[in-house]
């Protein structure tokens, strides 16, 4: 069983063209619960951030809600994401995941949050917040 924190607010999954400059607003003044992640590839830049921080020039996906594994994830613990993604897949809830050094994050479409958290609870996880 994992404790999963539901972060406040809505999140955006964004795509910027390769070579774009990231706006300073993405990293300045982050709140206690805010999360921003950036991935660069030759094809473009992907950004996950609170919707109000989404770059104006970005292609933005639907509105998402962000869930965070509440305790640090043990790096060798290879089943953590599977334990979370599998129940969501069974419930046909789309998911976007990313990891930091300390923990894992999942985004589910805001319109499917109730179904997603219910699926995680049925799998034995506890939703906080």
Protein backbone atom coordinates (compact mmCIF):
# COMPACT_ATOMS: atom_id res chain seq x y z
CA UNK A 1 0.00 0.00 0.00
CA UNK A 2 1.21 3.47 -0.89
CA UNK A 3 0.10 6.84 0.43
CA UNK A 4 -0.74 9.10 -2.50
CA UNK A 5 -1.10 12.88 -2.07
CA UNK A 6 -3.47 14.73 -4.37
CA UNK A 7 -1.79 18.04 -5.16
CA UNK A 8 -3.95 21.16 -5.28
CA UNK A 9 -4.85 22.80 -8.56
CA UNK A 10 -4.81 21.67 -12.15
CA UNK A 11 -1.79 20.74 -14.28
CA UNK A 12 -0.92 21.08 -17.95
CA UNK A 13 1.14 18.77 -20.16
CA UNK A 14 2.80 21.07 -22.70
CA UNK A 15 4.95 20.79 -25.81
CA UNK A 16 7.33 23.47 -27.02
CA UNK A 17 9.28 23.44 -30.26
CA UNK A 18 12.87 22.23 -30.10
CA UNK A 19 15.19 25.12 -29.28
CA UNK A 20 12.51 27.16 -27.52
CA UNK A 21 13.45 29.28 -24.54
CA UNK A 22 11.71 28.39 -21.31
CA UNK A 23 9.89 31.28 -19.66
CA UNK A 24 11.33 32.39 -16.32
CA UNK A 25 7.84 32.08 -14.78
CA UNK A 26 8.15 28.27 -14.87
CA UNK A 27 10.76 28.24 -12.12
CA UNK A 28 10.23 31.47 -10.19
CA UNK A 29 8.13 31.59 -7.06
CA UNK A 30 7.12 27.94 -6.91
CA UNK A 31 4.65 27.27 -4.12
CA UNK A 32 5.12 24.53 -1.55
CA UNK A 33 3.01 22.02 -3.48
CA UNK A 34 3.90 23.14 -7.03
CA UNK A 35 5.74 20.75 -9.32
CA UNK A 36 7.36 21.59 -12.66
CA UNK A 37 9.25 19.08 -14.78
CA UNK A 38 10.97 19.68 -18.11
CA UNK A 39 12.28 17.12 -20.61
CA UNK A 40 14.36 18.00 -23.67
CA UNK A 41 14.64 15.85 -26.79
CA UNK A 42 15.71 16.55 -30.35
CA UNK A 43 12.00 16.67 -31.25
CA UNK A 44 10.96 19.28 -28.70
CA UNK A 45 10.57 20.23 -25.07
CA UNK A 46 7.93 18.70 -22.81
CA UNK A 47 6.77 20.61 -19.74
CA UNK A 48 4.44 19.50 -16.96
CA UNK A 49 3.40 22.37 -14.72
CA UNK A 50 0.47 24.03 -12.95
CA UNK A 51 -1.89 25.31 -15.66
CA UNK A 52 -1.35 28.95 -14.72
CA UNK A 53 2.38 28.51 -15.47
CA UNK A 54 1.90 26.93 -18.91
CA UNK A 55 4.00 28.76 -21.52
CA UNK A 56 1.84 30.87 -23.84
CA UNK A 57 3.51 29.48 -26.99
CA UNK A 58 3.06 25.83 -25.93
CA UNK A 59 0.68 23.24 -27.29
CA UNK A 60 -1.23 22.24 -24.16
CA UNK A 61 -2.97 18.93 -23.47
CA UNK A 62 -6.19 18.58 -21.51
CA UNK A 63 -6.40 19.60 -17.85
CA UNK A 64 -4.79 17.09 -15.48
CA UNK A 65 -4.65 16.51 -11.71
CA UNK A 66 -1.36 15.55 -10.11
CA UNK A 67 -0.83 12.76 -7.59
CA UNK A 68 2.46 12.34 -5.69
CA UNK A 69 3.70 9.25 -3.88
CA UNK A 70 3.77 10.72 -0.36
CA UNK A 71 6.88 9.01 0.95
CA UNK A 72 10.27 8.81 -0.77
CA UNK A 73 10.49 6.01 -3.31
CA UNK A 74 13.36 3.58 -2.96
CA UNK A 75 15.26 3.81 -6.27
CA UNK A 76 15.63 0.03 -6.61
CA UNK A 77 11.87 -0.32 -5.95
CA UNK A 78 10.88 -1.20 -9.49
CA UNK A 79 7.24 -2.07 -8.79
CA UNK A 80 6.09 1.29 -7.45
CA UNK A 81 4.88 2.73 -10.74
CA UNK A 82 3.40 -0.58 -11.85
CA UNK A 83 1.41 -0.76 -8.61
CA UNK A 84 -0.12 2.61 -9.49
CA UNK A 85 -0.41 2.47 -13.27
CA UNK A 86 -1.90 -1.03 -13.48
CA UNK A 87 -5.09 -0.20 -11.52
CA UNK A 88 -5.54 2.98 -13.56
CA UNK A 89 -5.12 1.05 -16.81
CA UNK A 90 -7.68 -1.52 -15.66
CA UNK A 91 -10.12 1.34 -14.96
CA UNK A 92 -9.32 2.82 -18.41
CA UNK A 93 -7.98 6.04 -16.88
CA UNK A 94 -5.20 7.67 -18.89
CA UNK A 95 -2.04 8.45 -16.96
CA UNK A 96 1.14 10.44 -17.47
CA UNK A 97 3.98 9.66 -15.08
CA UNK A 98 7.30 11.20 -14.16
CA UNK A 99 9.82 10.63 -11.41
CA UNK A 100 12.19 12.76 -9.41
CA UNK A 101 15.11 11.59 -7.30
CA UNK A 102 12.80 11.33 -4.29
CA UNK A 103 9.43 10.14 -5.52
CA UNK A 104 7.02 9.40 -8.37
CA UNK A 105 4.19 11.51 -9.79
CA UNK A 106 1.10 10.59 -11.79
CA UNK A 107 -1.23 12.83 -13.73
CA UNK A 108 -4.77 11.77 -14.53
CA UNK A 109 -7.29 13.76 -16.57
CA UNK A 110 -9.23 16.07 -14.26
CA UNK A 111 -12.50 14.73 -15.67
CA UNK A 112 -11.47 11.19 -14.60
CA UNK A 113 -10.05 12.03 -11.15
CA UNK A 114 -12.90 10.34 -9.26
CA UNK A 115 -12.53 7.11 -11.26
CA UNK A 116 -8.75 7.23 -10.95
CA UNK A 117 -8.62 7.72 -7.20
CA UNK A 118 -11.30 5.05 -6.72
CA UNK A 119 -9.23 2.58 -8.77
CA UNK A 120 -6.13 3.34 -6.67
CA UNK A 121 -8.11 2.89 -3.44
CA UNK A 122 -9.52 -0.44 -4.65
CA UNK A 123 -5.91 -1.52 -5.25
CA UNK A 124 -5.16 -0.80 -1.57
CA UNK A 125 -3.58 2.65 -1.83
CA UNK A 126 -4.58 5.57 0.36
CA UNK A 127 -5.37 8.97 -1.16
CA UNK A 128 -4.40 11.95 1.03
CA UNK A 129 -5.88 15.41 0.52
